[in-house]
């Protein structure tokens, strides 16, 4: 009788414990930031699995450094929607992450700004230099006409 009572108490006590298992798996980590040195700390996010419908696979908040991490469980394009709040209001971004058949990161889609930054910078420099040249030339022309 004492043995039965002891087994009952230990099984009830065991049901109220929290267990864990540490696994080394492929993790997709995304750093979200407003500007260099300004991470989107504690920003809300939702992760959507490929062909997973409207129900998010994972929800939560980024960490203090602006990182969002998730463990994909299938191949395909995963969508991570992040809604960050700054002094200027709410800002959102959707990141598409492609995962291969081995559940490793295959690629990700960069935002348009990141894709074309060098191109826009180059065009801006050319236009700026042409503007300075045209300004200097017009001033020289005016001084010759004034003489």
C-alpha atoms as a PDB file:
ATOM      1  CA  UNK A   1       0.000   0.000   0.000  1.00  0.00           C
ATOM      2  CA  UNK A   2       2.836   2.379   0.842  1.00  0.00           C
ATOM      3  CA  UNK A   3       4.561   1.529  -2.453  1.00  0.00           C
ATOM      4  CA  UNK A   4       1.379   2.299  -4.446  1.00  0.00           C
ATOM      5  CA  UNK A   5       1.005   5.671  -2.685  1.00  0.00           C
ATOM      6  CA  UNK A   6       4.663   6.516  -3.385  1.00  0.00           C
ATOM      7  CA  UNK A   7       4.331   5.664  -7.087  1.00  0.00           C
ATOM      8  CA  UNK A   8       1.152   7.742  -7.368  1.00  0.00           C
ATOM      9  CA  UNK A   9       2.788  10.798  -5.760  1.00  0.00           C
ATOM     10  CA  UNK A  10       5.898  10.620  -7.961  1.00  0.00           C
ATOM     11  CA  UNK A  11       3.895  10.234 -11.172  1.00  0.00           C
ATOM     12  CA  UNK A  12       1.718  13.240 -10.274  1.00  0.00           C
ATOM     13  CA  UNK A  13       4.800  15.288  -9.388  1.00  0.00           C
ATOM     14  CA  UNK A  14       6.467  14.320 -12.656  1.00  0.00           C
ATOM     15  CA  UNK A  15       3.492  15.584 -14.697  1.00  0.00           C
ATOM     16  CA  UNK A  16       4.170  19.144 -13.462  1.00  0.00           C
ATOM     17  CA  UNK A  17       7.774  19.374 -14.581  1.00  0.00           C
ATOM     18  CA  UNK A  18       9.023  21.079 -17.739  1.00  0.00           C
ATOM     19  CA  UNK A  19      11.483  19.074 -19.778  1.00  0.00           C
ATOM     20  CA  UNK A  20      13.746  20.141 -22.606  1.00  0.00           C
ATOM     21  CA  UNK A  21      15.934  18.698 -25.312  1.00  0.00           C
ATOM     22  CA  UNK A  22      18.760  20.625 -27.002  1.00  0.00           C
ATOM     23  CA  UNK A  23      19.144  19.779 -30.692  1.00  0.00           C
ATOM     24  CA  UNK A  24      21.571  21.035 -33.282  1.00  0.00           C
ATOM     25  CA  UNK A  25      19.464  21.741 -36.349  1.00  0.00           C
ATOM     26  CA  UNK A  26      19.496  24.131 -39.265  1.00  0.00           C
ATOM     27  CA  UNK A  27      18.218  27.510 -38.046  1.00  0.00           C
ATOM     28  CA  UNK A  28      17.296  30.477 -40.229  1.00  0.00           C
ATOM     29  CA  UNK A  29      18.251  33.722 -38.497  1.00  0.00           C
ATOM     30  CA  UNK A  30      17.304  37.148 -39.822  1.00  0.00           C
ATOM     31  CA  UNK A  31      18.642  40.419 -38.422  1.00  0.00           C
ATOM     32  CA  UNK A  32      16.094  43.235 -38.712  1.00  0.00           C
ATOM     33  CA  UNK A  33      17.231  46.831 -38.294  1.00  0.00           C
ATOM     34  CA  UNK A  34      16.159  50.387 -39.068  1.00  0.00           C
ATOM     35  CA  UNK A  35      19.656  51.723 -39.767  1.00  0.00           C
ATOM     36  CA  UNK A  36      23.194  50.614 -38.994  1.00  0.00           C
ATOM     37  CA  UNK A  37      23.488  50.389 -35.231  1.00  0.00           C
ATOM     38  CA  UNK A  38      19.703  50.631 -34.716  1.00  0.00           C
ATOM     39  CA  UNK A  39      18.241  47.101 -34.456  1.00  0.00           C
ATOM     40  CA  UNK A  40      14.497  46.447 -34.520  1.00  0.00           C
ATOM     41  CA  UNK A  41      14.527  45.233 -30.926  1.00  0.00           C
ATOM     42  CA  UNK A  42      11.476  43.281 -29.726  1.00  0.00           C
ATOM     43  CA  UNK A  43       9.643  43.726 -33.052  1.00  0.00           C
ATOM     44  CA  UNK A  44       6.630  41.471 -33.629  1.00  0.00           C
ATOM     45  CA  UNK A  45       7.028  38.802 -36.305  1.00  0.00           C
ATOM     46  CA  UNK A  46       5.140  35.954 -37.961  1.00  0.00           C
ATOM     47  CA  UNK A  47       6.703  33.069 -39.879  1.00  0.00           C
ATOM     48  CA  UNK A  48       4.655  31.381 -42.626  1.00  0.00           C
ATOM     49  CA  UNK A  49       5.586  27.932 -43.943  1.00  0.00           C
ATOM     50  CA  UNK A  50       5.483  27.045 -47.634  1.00  0.00           C
ATOM     51  CA  UNK A  51       1.938  26.028 -48.559  1.00  0.00           C
ATOM     52  CA  UNK A  52       0.991  26.494 -44.917  1.00  0.00           C
ATOM     53  CA  UNK A  53      -2.043  28.665 -45.520  1.00  0.00           C
ATOM     54  CA  UNK A  54      -2.956  31.731 -43.474  1.00  0.00           C
ATOM     55  CA  UNK A  55      -2.039  30.231 -40.112  1.00  0.00           C
ATOM     56  CA  UNK A  56       1.473  31.274 -38.990  1.00  0.00           C
ATOM     57  CA  UNK A  57       4.035  28.554 -38.307  1.00  0.00           C
ATOM     58  CA  UNK A  58       5.554  30.721 -35.572  1.00  0.00           C
ATOM     59  CA  UNK A  59       4.887  34.111 -33.973  1.00  0.00           C
ATOM     60  CA  UNK A  60       6.861  36.148 -31.507  1.00  0.00           C
ATOM     61  CA  UNK A  61       9.187  39.084 -31.055  1.00  0.00           C
ATOM     62  CA  UNK A  62      12.735  39.662 -32.214  1.00  0.00           C
ATOM     63  CA  UNK A  63      15.400  39.635 -29.550  1.00  0.00           C
ATOM     64  CA  UNK A  64      17.214  42.654 -28.149  1.00  0.00           C
ATOM     65  CA  UNK A  65      19.610  42.700 -31.131  1.00  0.00           C
ATOM     66  CA  UNK A  66      16.820  42.492 -33.729  1.00  0.00           C
ATOM     67  CA  UNK A  67      17.256  38.791 -34.563  1.00  0.00           C
ATOM     68  CA  UNK A  68      14.369  36.566 -35.630  1.00  0.00           C
ATOM     69  CA  UNK A  69      15.144  32.844 -35.740  1.00  0.00           C
ATOM     70  CA  UNK A  70      13.121  29.810 -36.745  1.00  0.00           C
ATOM     71  CA  UNK A  71      13.728  26.154 -37.535  1.00  0.00           C
ATOM     72  CA  UNK A  72      12.232  25.159 -40.903  1.00  0.00           C
ATOM     73  CA  UNK A  73      10.664  21.720 -41.066  1.00  0.00           C
ATOM     74  CA  UNK A  74      10.149  21.523 -44.828  1.00  0.00           C
ATOM     75  CA  UNK A  75      11.607  22.636 -48.141  1.00  0.00           C
ATOM     76  CA  UNK A  76      10.291  25.718 -49.943  1.00  0.00           C
ATOM     77  CA  UNK A  77       9.924  29.466 -49.612  1.00  0.00           C
ATOM     78  CA  UNK A  78       9.252  30.655 -46.062  1.00  0.00           C
ATOM     79  CA  UNK A  79       7.874  34.137 -45.439  1.00  0.00           C
ATOM     80  CA  UNK A  80       8.804  36.133 -42.363  1.00  0.00           C
ATOM     81  CA  UNK A  81       6.689  39.236 -41.720  1.00  0.00           C
ATOM     82  CA  UNK A  82       8.211  41.696 -39.261  1.00  0.00           C
ATOM     83  CA  UNK A  83       6.381  44.732 -37.888  1.00  0.00           C
ATOM     84  CA  UNK A  84       8.751  47.118 -36.169  1.00  0.00           C
ATOM     85  CA  UNK A  85       7.860  50.237 -34.244  1.00  0.00           C
ATOM     86  CA  UNK A  86      10.198  53.228 -34.261  1.00  0.00           C
ATOM     87  CA  UNK A  87       9.856  56.878 -33.326  1.00  0.00           C
ATOM     88  CA  UNK A  88       8.368  57.417 -36.793  1.00  0.00           C
ATOM     89  CA  UNK A  89       5.568  54.844 -36.360  1.00  0.00           C
ATOM     90  CA  UNK A  90       5.142  51.262 -37.538  1.00  0.00           C
ATOM     91  CA  UNK A  91       7.278  49.862 -40.345  1.00  0.00           C
ATOM     92  CA  UNK A  92       6.889  46.433 -41.858  1.00  0.00           C
ATOM     93  CA  UNK A  93       8.960  44.140 -44.017  1.00  0.00           C
ATOM     94  CA  UNK A  94       8.427  40.680 -45.478  1.00  0.00           C
ATOM     95  CA  UNK A  95      11.479  38.490 -45.996  1.00  0.00           C
ATOM     96  CA  UNK A  96      11.315  35.437 -48.240  1.00  0.00           C
ATOM     97  CA  UNK A  97      13.751  32.662 -47.321  1.00  0.00           C
ATOM     98  CA  UNK A  98      14.267  29.637 -49.583  1.00  0.00           C
ATOM     99  CA  UNK A  99      15.083  26.377 -47.820  1.00  0.00           C
ATOM    100  CA  UNK A 100      16.529  23.406 -49.729  1.00  0.00           C
ATOM    101  CA  UNK A 101      15.680  19.706 -49.349  1.00  0.00           C
ATOM    102  CA  UNK A 102      18.303  19.303 -46.579  1.00  0.00           C
ATOM    103  CA  UNK A 103      16.540  22.119 -44.649  1.00  0.00           C
ATOM    104  CA  UNK A 104      19.476  24.483 -45.120  1.00  0.00           C
ATOM    105  CA  UNK A 105      19.211  28.109 -46.195  1.00  0.00           C
ATOM    106  CA  UNK A 106      19.371  28.209 -49.995  1.00  0.00           C
ATOM    107  CA  UNK A 107      18.821  31.915 -50.638  1.00  0.00           C
ATOM    108  CA  UNK A 108      16.766  34.912 -49.622  1.00  0.00           C
ATOM    109  CA  UNK A 109      15.137  37.752 -51.487  1.00  0.00           C
ATOM    110  CA  UNK A 110      16.705  41.126 -50.775  1.00  0.00           C
ATOM    111  CA  UNK A 111      14.564  44.256 -50.686  1.00  0.00           C
ATOM    112  CA  UNK A 112      14.686  46.482 -53.784  1.00  0.00           C
ATOM    113  CA  UNK A 113      16.765  49.079 -51.982  1.00  0.00           C
ATOM    114  CA  UNK A 114      19.461  46.510 -51.195  1.00  0.00           C
ATOM    115  CA  UNK A 115      19.390  45.035 -54.714  1.00  0.00           C
ATOM    116  CA  UNK A 116      19.899  48.316 -56.554  1.00  0.00           C
ATOM    117  CA  UNK A 117      21.895  50.441 -54.099  1.00  0.00           C
ATOM    118  CA  UNK A 118      25.094  50.430 -56.182  1.00  0.00           C
ATOM    119  CA  UNK A 119      23.206  51.250 -59.367  1.00  0.00           C
ATOM    120  CA  UNK A 120      21.300  54.170 -57.824  1.00  0.00           C
ATOM    121  CA  UNK A 121      24.477  55.472 -56.165  1.00  0.00           C
ATOM    122  CA  UNK A 122      26.358  55.352 -59.471  1.00  0.00           C
ATOM    123  CA  UNK A 123      23.616  57.188 -61.378  1.00  0.00           C
ATOM    124  CA  UNK A 124      23.394  59.781 -58.588  1.00  0.00           C
ATOM    125  CA  UNK A 125      27.133  60.422 -58.752  1.00  0.00           C
ATOM    126  CA  UNK A 126      27.050  60.853 -62.523  1.00  0.00           C
ATOM    127  CA  UNK A 127      24.116  63.291 -62.340  1.00  0.00           C
ATOM    128  CA  UNK A 128      25.763  65.181 -59.467  1.00  0.00           C
ATOM    129  CA  UNK A 129      29.094  65.530 -61.285  1.00  0.00           C
ATOM    130  CA  UNK A 130      27.326  66.661 -64.460  1.00  0.00           C
ATOM    131  CA  UNK A 131      25.394  69.247 -62.414  1.00  0.00           C
ATOM    132  CA  UNK A 132      28.611  70.648 -60.898  1.00  0.00           C
ATOM    133  CA  UNK A 133      30.227  70.777 -64.361  1.00  0.00           C
ATOM    134  CA  UNK A 134      27.201  72.561 -65.836  1.00  0.00           C
ATOM    135  CA  UNK A 135      27.160  75.073 -62.955  1.00  0.00           C
ATOM    136  CA  UNK A 136      30.866  75.914 -63.343  1.00  0.00           C
ATOM    137  CA  UNK A 137      30.517  76.225 -67.127  1.00  0.00           C
ATOM    138  CA  UNK A 138      27.490  78.521 -66.864  1.00  0.00           C
ATOM    139  CA  UNK A 139      29.324  80.783 -64.387  1.00  0.00           C
ATOM    140  CA  UNK A 140      32.347  81.027 -66.672  1.00  0.00           C
ATOM    141  CA  UNK A 141      30.037  81.847 -69.568  1.00  0.00           C
ATOM    142  CA  UNK A 142      28.317  84.624 -67.563  1.00  0.00           C
ATOM    143  CA  UNK A 143      31.640  86.170 -66.532  1.00  0.00           C
ATOM    144  CA  UNK A 144      32.792  86.250 -70.200  1.00  0.00           C
ATOM    145  CA  UNK A 145      29.518  87.911 -71.257  1.00  0.00           C
ATOM    146  CA  UNK A 146      29.822  90.474 -68.479  1.00  0.00           C
ATOM    147  CA  UNK A 147      33.256  91.576 -69.706  1.00  0.00           C
END
